[in-house]
Amino acid sequence: MIDIKWDERGLIPAIVQDATTQQVLTLAYMNAEALRLTLDTGEAHFWSRSRSELWHKGATSGNVQRVREVRVDCDADTILLLVDPAGPACHTGEVSCFYRTVTSNE
């Protein structure tokens, strides 16, 4: 097992990417338990920083993310989940949480 570099809160950023389209779907956070559950169940689990609890992606919406592969970056401080999404990743209903473009107001 790779020695994961958890931050001071015991968390690691997790980038979620559609395994087929390569579209980045979201950025979430995992703790050791979320990573274990993800590996054990094959579905994405995360740590909610706002609610301070584990959450299973799609538990209420049905938009689960079946995990094909879990990767770690070269510094072991970021996780990448390659997933098959069963629906939108974003709570707004958008496919990806990254649907807005930043522009200059000049």
Protein backbone atom coordinates (compact mmCIF):
# COMPACT_ATOMS: atom_id res chain seq x y z
CA MET A 1 0.00 0.00 0.00
CA ILE A 2 1.21 3.49 -0.84
CA ASP A 3 1.91 5.77 2.12
CA ILE A 4 -0.75 8.46 1.68
CA LYS A 5 0.12 11.97 2.86
CA TRP A 6 -2.96 13.08 4.77
CA ASP A 7 -3.22 16.75 5.72
CA GLU A 8 -3.36 18.00 9.33
CA ARG A 9 -7.09 17.17 9.47
CA GLY A 10 -6.54 13.64 8.18
CA LEU A 11 -7.90 14.49 4.72
CA ILE A 12 -6.68 14.23 1.15
CA PRO A 13 -8.16 15.96 -1.94
CA ALA A 14 -9.86 13.55 -4.33
CA ILE A 15 -10.34 14.54 -7.95
CA VAL A 16 -13.18 12.62 -9.59
CA GLN A 17 -12.93 12.07 -13.34
CA ASP A 18 -15.28 10.28 -15.74
CA ALA A 19 -13.36 7.19 -16.85
CA THR A 20 -14.90 7.27 -20.34
CA THR A 21 -15.00 10.96 -21.27
CA GLN A 22 -12.07 12.09 -19.07
CA GLN A 23 -14.20 15.05 -17.90
CA VAL A 24 -13.32 16.24 -14.40
CA LEU A 25 -16.52 15.87 -12.38
CA THR A 26 -15.70 17.22 -8.95
CA LEU A 27 -13.13 17.75 -6.24
CA ALA A 28 -14.00 16.25 -2.88
CA TYR A 29 -12.09 15.12 0.19
CA MET A 30 -11.44 11.69 1.64
CA ASN A 31 -10.26 10.49 5.00
CA ALA A 32 -8.86 7.01 5.61
CA GLU A 33 -12.32 5.55 6.23
CA ALA A 34 -13.74 7.06 3.01
CA LEU A 35 -10.83 5.62 1.03
CA ARG A 36 -11.28 2.22 2.67
CA LEU A 37 -15.02 2.20 1.92
CA THR A 38 -14.38 3.26 -1.67
CA LEU A 39 -11.88 0.46 -2.18
CA ASP A 40 -14.09 -2.10 -0.41
CA THR A 41 -17.40 -1.24 -2.12
CA GLY A 42 -16.28 -0.01 -5.53
CA GLU A 43 -18.38 3.14 -5.11
CA ALA A 44 -17.16 6.63 -4.18
CA HIS A 45 -17.28 7.67 -0.53
CA PHE A 46 -16.06 11.02 0.76
CA TRP A 47 -15.68 13.09 3.90
CA SER A 48 -18.01 16.08 4.08
CA ARG A 49 -16.08 18.99 5.56
CA SER A 50 -19.28 21.03 6.07
CA ARG A 51 -21.20 18.23 7.83
CA SER A 52 -18.17 16.51 9.40
CA GLU A 53 -19.38 13.07 8.31
CA LEU A 54 -18.80 10.35 5.75
CA TRP A 55 -21.03 10.34 2.69
CA HIS A 56 -21.65 7.80 -0.02
CA LYS A 57 -21.95 9.66 -3.33
CA GLY A 58 -25.44 9.05 -4.66
CA ALA A 59 -26.91 7.63 -1.45
CA THR A 60 -29.82 10.07 -1.63
CA SER A 61 -29.74 11.19 -5.30
CA GLY A 62 -29.05 7.81 -6.89
CA ASN A 63 -26.13 9.38 -8.77
CA VAL A 64 -23.55 6.88 -7.54
CA GLN A 65 -20.05 6.81 -8.94
CA ARG A 66 -18.77 3.29 -9.68
CA VAL A 67 -15.01 3.38 -9.24
CA ARG A 68 -12.92 1.80 -11.97
CA GLU A 69 -9.54 2.84 -10.60
CA VAL A 70 -7.99 4.78 -7.72
CA ARG A 71 -4.71 6.54 -8.41
CA VAL A 72 -2.43 8.68 -6.27
CA ASP A 73 -0.22 11.48 -7.57
CA CYS A 74 3.59 11.48 -7.46
CA ASP A 75 3.68 13.24 -4.07
CA ALA A 76 0.98 10.93 -2.62
CA ASP A 77 -1.01 13.98 -1.50
CA THR A 78 -3.90 13.84 -4.01
CA ILE A 79 -6.19 11.00 -5.04
CA LEU A 80 -7.71 10.54 -8.51
CA LEU A 81 -10.86 8.45 -8.87
CA LEU A 82 -11.73 7.23 -12.36
CA VAL A 83 -15.45 6.56 -12.25
CA ASP A 84 -18.51 5.54 -14.21
CA PRO A 85 -21.10 8.07 -13.02
CA ALA A 86 -24.77 7.08 -12.81
CA GLY A 87 -25.88 10.68 -13.16
CA PRO A 88 -24.76 14.25 -12.54
CA ALA A 89 -21.86 14.79 -10.16
CA CYS A 90 -22.92 18.26 -9.04
CA HIS A 91 -25.67 18.95 -6.51
CA THR A 92 -26.98 21.59 -8.95
CA GLY A 93 -27.80 18.89 -11.49
CA GLU A 94 -24.88 19.77 -13.77
CA VAL A 95 -22.81 16.85 -15.07
CA SER A 96 -19.66 18.40 -13.60
CA CYS A 97 -19.16 20.81 -10.72
CA PHE A 98 -16.85 22.72 -13.09
CA TYR A 99 -19.50 24.18 -15.39
CA ARG A 100 -18.81 27.91 -14.84
CA THR A 101 -16.11 29.93 -16.61
CA VAL A 102 -14.18 32.69 -14.86
CA THR A 103 -13.88 35.80 -17.01
CA SER A 104 -12.46 39.26 -16.58
CA ASN A 105 -14.92 42.07 -15.84
CA GLU A 106 -12.65 44.75 -17.30
